[in-house]
Amino acid sequence: MSGSADIDLTAANQVAAPPPETVPKEASYDPARDRESVRAKIALWLLYLVIGIIALAMVGLLANLIDSATLEKLATLVLAPVLTVFGTVLGFYFGERAGKAQGSPS
């Protein structure tokens, strides 16, 4: 290697000191953020399910794939329980939020 200077790395003054170790700050785990995220996802999936059931029922009815009597039976069998669960989830979700806004513990 022409023109390059040789460095003696065995000398103490030539070696760079390692960077100081940094200890990450530990924050306590707060499940509230994850809990709200999961609740919102459940509510959205139930909303999508309700919209999908209604859309499929309307398409089937408009395309004459099913008659109104069959649609009524299917709605009673499928849509009623899903709407009940959806209403329960929404009531719980917004009821808890209203309770927190008023300052009551949950």
Protein backbone atom coordinates (compact mmCIF):
# COMPACT_ATOMS: atom_id res chain seq x y z
CA MET A 1 0.00 0.00 0.00
CA SER A 2 1.81 3.00 -1.17
CA GLY A 3 1.27 6.31 0.57
CA SER A 4 -0.71 4.96 3.52
CA ALA A 5 0.42 5.51 7.07
CA ASP A 6 0.73 2.55 9.41
CA ILE A 7 -1.15 2.82 12.69
CA ASP A 8 0.04 0.96 15.74
CA LEU A 9 -3.16 -0.35 17.35
CA THR A 10 -1.33 -1.92 20.27
CA ALA A 11 -0.60 1.43 21.87
CA ALA A 12 -3.11 2.53 24.50
CA ASN A 13 -3.52 6.02 23.13
CA GLN A 14 -4.47 4.76 19.65
CA VAL A 15 -7.50 2.67 20.65
CA ALA A 16 -10.80 4.50 20.91
CA ALA A 17 -12.76 4.00 24.09
CA PRO A 18 -16.00 2.05 23.71
CA PRO A 19 -19.18 4.12 23.91
CA PRO A 20 -20.72 4.33 27.35
CA GLU A 21 -23.40 1.76 27.94
CA THR A 22 -26.88 3.13 27.97
CA VAL A 23 -29.49 1.38 30.02
CA PRO A 24 -32.96 1.61 28.48
CA LYS A 25 -35.55 3.13 30.72
CA GLU A 26 -38.14 0.59 31.73
CA ALA A 27 -41.70 1.76 31.61
CA SER A 28 -44.36 -0.23 33.35
CA TYR A 29 -46.74 -1.98 31.00
CA ASP A 30 -50.07 -0.25 30.63
CA PRO A 31 -52.67 -2.64 29.16
CA ALA A 32 -55.23 0.15 28.68
CA ARG A 33 -53.92 1.07 25.22
CA ASP A 34 -53.99 -2.54 24.01
CA ARG A 35 -57.38 -3.12 25.61
CA GLU A 36 -58.94 -0.18 23.78
CA SER A 37 -57.40 -1.32 20.51
CA VAL A 38 -58.82 -4.84 20.87
CA ARG A 39 -62.25 -3.54 21.85
CA ALA A 40 -62.32 -1.24 18.84
CA LYS A 41 -61.32 -4.12 16.54
CA ILE A 42 -64.06 -6.35 17.94
CA ALA A 43 -66.66 -3.61 17.49
CA LEU A 44 -65.51 -2.97 13.91
CA TRP A 45 -65.60 -6.67 13.00
CA LEU A 46 -69.11 -6.97 14.37
CA LEU A 47 -70.14 -3.89 12.40
CA TYR A 48 -68.67 -5.40 9.23
CA LEU A 49 -70.52 -8.63 9.96
CA VAL A 50 -73.86 -6.84 10.35
CA ILE A 51 -73.30 -4.82 7.17
CA GLY A 52 -72.28 -7.98 5.28
CA ILE A 53 -75.33 -9.93 6.40
CA ILE A 54 -77.67 -7.11 5.45
CA ALA A 55 -75.93 -6.60 2.10
CA LEU A 56 -76.09 -10.32 1.26
CA ALA A 57 -79.76 -10.43 2.23
CA MET A 58 -80.57 -7.44 0.03
CA VAL A 59 -78.61 -8.82 -2.93
CA GLY A 60 -80.34 -12.19 -2.55
CA LEU A 61 -83.74 -10.55 -2.37
CA LEU A 62 -83.17 -8.17 -5.28
CA ALA A 63 -81.68 -10.90 -7.47
CA ASN A 64 -84.64 -13.18 -6.67
CA LEU A 65 -82.32 -15.82 -5.22
CA ILE A 66 -84.47 -16.08 -2.09
CA ASP A 67 -88.06 -15.16 -1.38
CA SER A 68 -89.22 -12.83 1.38
CA ALA A 69 -90.43 -15.66 3.63
CA THR A 70 -87.04 -17.37 3.53
CA LEU A 71 -85.32 -14.04 4.09
CA GLU A 72 -87.50 -13.40 7.13
CA LYS A 73 -86.59 -16.80 8.58
CA LEU A 74 -82.88 -16.23 7.91
CA ALA A 75 -83.02 -12.77 9.44
CA THR A 76 -84.66 -14.15 12.55
CA LEU A 77 -82.14 -16.96 12.77
CA VAL A 78 -78.94 -15.09 11.90
CA LEU A 79 -79.35 -11.33 12.04
CA ALA A 80 -81.18 -11.05 15.38
CA PRO A 81 -78.44 -12.71 17.49
CA VAL A 82 -75.67 -10.81 15.69
CA LEU A 83 -77.47 -7.50 16.27
CA THR A 84 -77.92 -8.42 19.93
CA VAL A 85 -74.21 -9.09 20.36
CA PHE A 86 -73.34 -5.93 18.43
CA GLY A 87 -75.64 -3.83 20.62
CA THR A 88 -74.17 -5.35 23.76
CA VAL A 89 -70.61 -4.60 22.64
CA LEU A 90 -71.48 -1.03 21.71
CA GLY A 91 -73.33 -0.48 24.97
CA PHE A 92 -70.41 -1.81 26.99
CA TYR A 93 -67.83 0.16 25.02
CA PHE A 94 -69.61 3.52 25.13
CA GLY A 95 -70.99 2.93 28.62
CA GLU A 96 -67.49 2.48 29.97
CA ARG A 97 -66.28 5.59 28.16
CA ALA A 98 -69.14 7.63 29.62
CA GLY A 99 -68.31 6.31 33.09
CA LYS A 100 -64.66 7.32 32.69
CA ALA A 101 -65.69 10.78 31.49
CA GLN A 102 -67.79 11.26 34.63
CA GLY A 103 -64.92 10.15 36.82
CA SER A 104 -66.37 6.92 38.14
CA PRO A 105 -63.94 4.02 38.46
CA SER A 106 -64.36 1.12 36.05
